[in-house]
Amino acid sequence: MYIDKQVKRGYNEYIRLDEGIGKDAMMDVALLVMEDGDTYSFNEAEKELACLVFDGKCTFEWEGQSYDVDRPNPFDYNPSCLHVCKGVEVKITAHGPCNIYVQKTLNEKTFPSKMYKPEDTDTWARGNQGELMGCIKRDVRTCFDLDNAPYSNMVLGEVVNLPGKWSSYPPHHHPQPECYFYRYDKPMGFGAGWGNGEIYETHHNGLAIITDKMHSQVTAPGYSCCYAWGIRHLPGDPWDKTRIDDEEHLWLLEDDANDHIWHCPTGN
């Protein structure tokens, strides 16, 4: 399922885990849009909370701590992301226009709050070895996952999808539900996504909820996209870099030490 929304100043809710498609995603997803001087507070009694700043200047305050974020854009700068357990109050104060991705899910565990700073976030350049003639080059960033936050019921990171390039490719799936939240370098930017057996056009501030079948996506030439990717672990089946490739369309790489030669087993 794909959702487009005309966002407004304040808390823009996309899905809730207790209704509609949110029941399948098992998460709340929202975009917090703030202007200079705005404040917003969270205090979830039953849910863990992650707030990832797409762009802007703001101050986070929690448990007697504070951290100032200054991120001009999500394409050239690593993210800052605050992750807290249930019952922790978080206050955000904006010092100019600011856009913050919000993700929540139920979690009975308590755990130490963590501000993932830009220097804490691993960036993985993928598809940068000439595969598919450079058509799947992108940067994958992971704020937290099973490796560094085993107490969490969620995973959160970003992908920078370059103009005209494929991402989340080759097509693959995993049993855990995933959400993609899109931010383009220009408001008129667009691309295409595949998920749940559907094809949809993606836009600035759009959300894809992927709960079934293979998924991949591409951006239109001339537009860069940075999308947040959030995964909800399933009870007893956490996402541990889980990836099941689409064997009917999987491209296999053979490296002859001089060049990369791609073959498609089905001839497609």
Protein backbone atom coordinates (compact mmCIF):
# COMPACT_ATOMS: atom_id res chain seq x y z
CA MET A 1 0.00 0.00 0.00
CA TYR A 2 1.18 3.54 -0.76
CA ILE A 3 0.01 6.76 0.94
CA ASP A 4 0.45 10.33 -0.32
CA LYS A 5 -0.27 13.16 2.11
CA GLN A 6 -0.23 16.95 1.98
CA VAL A 7 1.63 17.56 5.21
CA LYS A 8 0.98 20.54 7.46
CA ARG A 9 2.80 22.12 10.36
CA GLY A 10 2.62 19.75 13.32
CA TYR A 11 2.26 15.99 13.72
CA ASN A 12 1.21 14.33 10.46
CA GLU A 13 0.08 10.78 11.15
CA TYR A 14 0.26 8.24 8.32
CA ILE A 15 -0.47 4.91 10.00
CA ARG A 16 -1.27 3.61 13.47
CA LEU A 17 -0.53 0.09 14.62
CA ASP A 18 -4.07 -0.35 15.98
CA GLU A 19 -6.00 0.43 12.79
CA GLY A 20 -6.10 -0.21 9.06
CA ILE A 21 -2.87 -1.14 7.27
CA GLY A 22 -1.02 -0.12 10.44
CA LYS A 23 -2.14 -3.42 11.98
CA ASP A 24 -0.13 -5.26 9.33
CA ALA A 25 2.85 -2.88 9.61
CA MET A 26 2.67 -3.14 13.43
CA MET A 27 4.03 0.41 13.72
CA ASP A 28 2.98 4.05 13.96
CA VAL A 29 4.57 6.26 11.30
CA ALA A 30 4.38 10.06 11.12
CA LEU A 31 6.19 13.17 9.92
CA LEU A 32 6.66 15.98 12.43
CA VAL A 33 6.84 19.33 10.60
CA MET A 34 8.12 22.20 12.74
CA GLU A 35 8.92 25.89 12.38
CA ASP A 36 11.23 28.11 14.39
CA GLY A 37 10.22 28.14 18.05
CA ASP A 38 7.80 25.20 17.82
CA THR A 39 7.98 22.55 20.54
CA TYR A 40 6.57 19.04 20.57
CA SER A 41 6.64 16.36 23.27
CA PHE A 42 6.25 12.59 23.33
CA ASN A 43 5.64 10.27 26.27
CA GLU A 44 4.48 6.85 25.15
CA ALA A 45 3.24 4.55 27.91
CA GLU A 46 3.55 1.31 25.91
CA LYS A 47 5.58 2.09 22.79
CA GLU A 48 9.25 2.56 22.00
CA LEU A 49 9.91 5.67 19.94
CA ALA A 50 12.44 6.68 17.28
CA CYS A 51 12.76 10.22 15.89
CA LEU A 52 15.03 10.71 12.88
CA VAL A 53 15.72 14.26 11.67
CA PHE A 54 15.50 14.51 7.88
CA ASP A 55 16.59 18.16 7.84
CA GLY A 56 16.67 21.28 9.96
CA LYS A 57 17.91 22.55 13.32
CA CYS A 58 16.38 21.40 16.59
CA THR A 59 17.16 20.43 20.16
CA PHE A 60 16.16 17.10 21.74
CA GLU A 61 15.68 16.87 25.50
CA TRP A 62 15.17 13.59 27.39
CA GLU A 63 16.01 12.23 30.84
CA GLY A 64 18.03 15.30 31.79
CA GLN A 65 20.05 15.19 28.56
CA SER A 66 19.97 17.38 25.47
CA TYR A 67 21.39 17.27 21.96
CA ASP A 68 21.43 19.87 19.20
CA VAL A 69 20.84 18.70 15.64
CA ASP A 70 21.86 20.68 12.56
CA ARG A 71 21.29 18.75 9.35
CA PRO A 72 21.10 20.87 6.18
CA ASN A 73 19.83 17.98 4.05
CA PRO A 74 19.62 14.16 4.11
CA PHE A 75 21.63 13.64 0.92
CA ASP A 76 25.04 14.92 2.02
CA TYR A 77 24.81 14.51 5.80
CA ASN A 78 24.31 11.50 8.06
CA PRO A 79 21.20 11.48 10.28
CA SER A 80 20.68 12.06 13.97
CA CYS A 81 18.14 9.71 15.53
CA LEU A 82 16.88 9.50 19.11
CA HIS A 83 15.62 6.07 20.23
CA VAL A 84 13.87 5.64 23.60
CA CYS A 85 11.79 2.99 25.34
CA LYS A 86 8.27 3.35 26.69
CA GLY A 87 7.70 5.89 29.44
CA VAL A 88 10.51 8.25 28.44
CA GLU A 89 9.46 11.84 27.82
CA VAL A 90 11.03 13.52 24.80
CA LYS A 91 10.81 17.23 24.03
CA ILE A 92 11.83 18.70 20.67
CA THR A 93 12.38 22.41 20.08
CA ALA A 94 12.84 23.68 16.52
CA HIS A 95 15.30 26.44 15.62
CA GLY A 96 14.01 26.91 12.08
CA PRO A 97 12.13 24.70 9.60
CA CYS A 98 12.56 21.07 10.61
CA ASN A 99 11.22 17.73 9.33
CA ILE A 100 11.39 14.69 11.60
CA TYR A 101 10.44 11.11 10.79
CA VAL A 102 8.66 9.38 13.71
CA GLN A 103 8.32 5.62 14.18
CA LYS A 104 6.81 3.75 17.15
CA THR A 105 5.85 0.21 18.12
CA LEU A 106 4.78 -1.73 21.17
CA ASN A 107 7.61 -2.97 23.35
CA GLU A 108 7.38 -4.19 26.94
CA LYS A 109 11.15 -3.99 27.43
CA THR A 110 12.92 -1.06 29.01
CA PHE A 111 16.34 -0.08 27.70
CA PRO A 112 18.78 2.84 27.81
CA SER A 113 17.92 5.80 25.61
CA LYS A 114 20.31 6.34 22.73
CA MET A 115 20.98 9.34 20.51
CA TYR A 116 22.52 8.00 17.32
CA LYS A 117 24.72 10.84 16.12
CA PRO A 118 25.97 11.28 12.55
CA GLU A 119 29.31 9.73 13.47
CA ASP A 120 27.53 6.68 14.94
CA THR A 121 25.69 5.82 11.74
CA ASP A 122 27.25 3.30 9.41
CA THR A 123 27.03 4.19 5.71
CA TRP A 124 27.36 1.32 3.29
CA ALA A 125 28.00 2.13 -0.37
CA ARG A 126 26.25 -0.55 -2.38
CA GLY A 127 26.28 -1.29 -6.09
CA ASN A 128 29.43 0.82 -6.47
CA GLN A 129 31.60 -1.83 -8.14
CA GLY A 130 30.12 -1.46 -11.63
CA GLU A 131 27.29 -3.93 -11.11
CA LEU A 132 24.56 -3.53 -13.74
CA MET A 133 26.64 -0.72 -15.28
CA GLY A 134 26.26 1.37 -12.13
CA CYS A 135 22.45 1.34 -12.24
CA ILE A 136 22.05 0.11 -8.63
CA LYS A 137 24.51 2.46 -6.92
CA ARG A 138 23.16 3.84 -3.62
CA ASP A 139 24.19 4.55 -0.03
CA VAL A 140 22.58 2.55 2.78
CA ARG A 141 22.67 3.95 6.32
CA THR A 142 21.70 2.00 9.42
CA CYS A 143 20.90 3.83 12.65
CA PHE A 144 19.93 0.75 14.66
CA ASP A 145 19.08 -2.87 14.01
CA LEU A 146 19.35 -6.25 15.72
CA ASP A 147 23.14 -5.96 15.98
CA ASN A 148 23.35 -2.75 18.01
CA ALA A 149 19.83 -2.64 19.51
CA PRO A 150 18.76 -6.26 20.18
CA TYR A 151 16.24 -5.01 22.78
CA SER A 152 14.27 -3.09 20.15
CA ASN A 153 11.31 -4.37 18.17
CA MET A 154 12.25 -2.12 15.25
CA VAL A 155 14.98 -1.35 12.72
CA LEU A 156 15.58 2.11 11.27
CA GLY A 157 17.88 3.59 8.66
CA GLU A 158 18.03 5.54 5.41
CA VAL A 159 18.89 4.93 1.77
CA VAL A 160 20.11 7.63 -0.62
CA ASN A 161 18.69 6.65 -4.02
CA LEU A 162 20.54 8.49 -6.81
CA PRO A 163 18.80 10.01 -9.87
CA GLY A 164 17.66 7.41 -12.36
CA LYS A 165 19.07 4.55 -10.26
CA TRP A 166 17.50 1.43 -8.78
CA SER A 167 17.29 0.79 -5.05
CA SER A 168 16.25 -2.13 -2.88
CA TYR A 169 17.53 -4.22 -5.78
CA PRO A 170 17.62 -7.03 -6.91
CA PRO A 171 13.97 -7.60 -5.98
CA HIS A 172 13.68 -9.44 -2.67
CA HIS A 173 11.34 -9.96 0.23
CA HIS A 174 11.35 -10.80 3.92
CA PRO A 175 8.52 -11.81 6.25
CA GLN A 176 8.92 -8.73 8.46
CA PRO A 177 6.84 -5.67 7.47
CA GLU A 178 8.72 -2.60 6.23
CA CYS A 179 7.92 1.08 5.64
CA TYR A 180 9.63 3.43 3.19
CA PHE A 181 9.17 7.17 3.76
CA TYR A 182 10.31 9.26 0.77
CA ARG A 183 12.04 12.64 0.74
CA TYR A 184 13.14 14.04 -2.63
CA ASP A 185 15.69 16.76 -3.26
CA LYS A 186 12.97 18.69 -5.11
CA PRO A 187 9.26 18.72 -4.15
CA MET A 188 8.31 17.66 -7.67
CA GLY A 189 10.63 14.64 -7.53
CA PHE A 190 9.15 11.23 -8.21
CA GLY A 191 9.97 7.60 -8.80
CA ALA A 192 8.32 4.18 -8.86
CA GLY A 193 8.04 1.39 -6.32
CA TRP A 194 7.05 -2.25 -6.39
CA GLY A 195 5.59 -3.95 -3.33
CA ASN A 196 2.72 -6.21 -2.28
CA GLY A 197 2.33 -7.20 -5.93
CA GLU A 198 1.56 -3.57 -6.85
CA ILE A 199 3.33 -0.79 -8.75
CA TYR A 200 2.99 2.75 -7.41
CA GLU A 201 4.41 6.19 -8.18
CA THR A 202 6.40 7.63 -5.28
CA HIS A 203 6.44 11.31 -4.30
CA HIS A 204 7.92 13.70 -1.73
CA ASN A 205 6.48 12.83 1.72
CA GLY A 206 4.94 9.58 0.47
CA LEU A 207 4.88 6.36 2.49
CA ALA A 208 4.99 2.79 1.18
CA ILE A 209 3.88 0.00 3.52
CA ILE A 210 5.34 -3.31 2.35
CA THR A 211 3.91 -6.43 3.96
CA ASP A 212 4.04 -9.01 1.17
CA LYS A 213 5.92 -10.12 -1.93
CA MET A 214 9.04 -8.71 -3.58
CA HIS A 215 9.99 -5.05 -3.44
CA SER A 216 12.30 -2.74 -5.38
CA GLN A 217 12.19 0.84 -6.59
CA VAL A 218 13.71 3.41 -8.92
CA THR A 219 13.97 7.20 -9.04
CA ALA A 220 13.30 9.35 -12.09
CA PRO A 221 16.35 10.88 -13.81
CA GLY A 222 17.14 14.29 -12.34
CA TYR A 223 15.79 13.61 -8.85
CA SER A 224 17.58 12.25 -5.80
CA CYS A 225 15.60 10.49 -3.10
CA CYS A 226 16.45 9.77 0.52
CA TYR A 227 13.99 7.38 2.11
CA ALA A 228 13.77 6.21 5.68
CA TRP A 229 13.38 2.45 5.94
CA GLY A 230 11.81 1.02 9.04
CA ILE A 231 11.28 -2.66 9.74
CA ARG A 232 9.20 -4.25 12.49
CA HIS A 233 10.64 -7.45 13.92
CA LEU A 234 8.12 -10.27 14.09
CA PRO A 235 7.70 -12.06 17.44
CA GLY A 236 10.23 -14.87 17.42
CA ASP A 237 11.44 -13.90 13.93
CA PRO A 238 13.53 -10.72 14.01
CA TRP A 239 14.90 -9.09 10.87
CA ASP A 240 18.55 -10.14 10.91
CA LYS A 241 19.69 -8.79 7.53
CA THR A 242 17.00 -11.15 6.22
CA ARG A 243 16.77 -11.11 2.43
CA ILE A 244 15.09 -13.67 0.18
CA ASP A 245 15.97 -12.92 -3.43
CA ASP A 246 13.50 -13.25 -6.27
CA GLU A 247 14.95 -16.32 -7.94
CA GLU A 248 12.76 -15.92 -11.04
CA HIS A 249 14.36 -12.58 -11.86
CA LEU A 250 17.60 -12.72 -9.89
CA TRP A 251 20.64 -11.43 -11.67
CA LEU A 252 23.72 -13.50 -10.86
CA LEU A 253 27.10 -11.85 -10.86
CA GLU A 254 30.10 -13.66 -12.27
CA ASP A 255 33.41 -11.93 -11.71
CA ASP A 256 36.11 -13.01 -14.14
CA ALA A 257 38.67 -10.81 -12.33
CA ASN A 258 38.61 -8.34 -15.23
CA ASP A 259 34.96 -7.39 -15.62
CA HIS A 260 31.52 -7.94 -14.14
CA ILE A 261 29.28 -10.05 -16.36
CA TRP A 262 25.58 -10.27 -15.50
CA HIS A 263 23.35 -13.19 -16.50
CA CYS A 264 19.61 -13.54 -16.06
CA PRO A 265 18.64 -17.22 -15.61
CA THR A 266 15.20 -16.73 -17.16
CA GLY A 267 16.38 -14.67 -20.10
CA ASN A 268 14.38 -11.61 -18.98
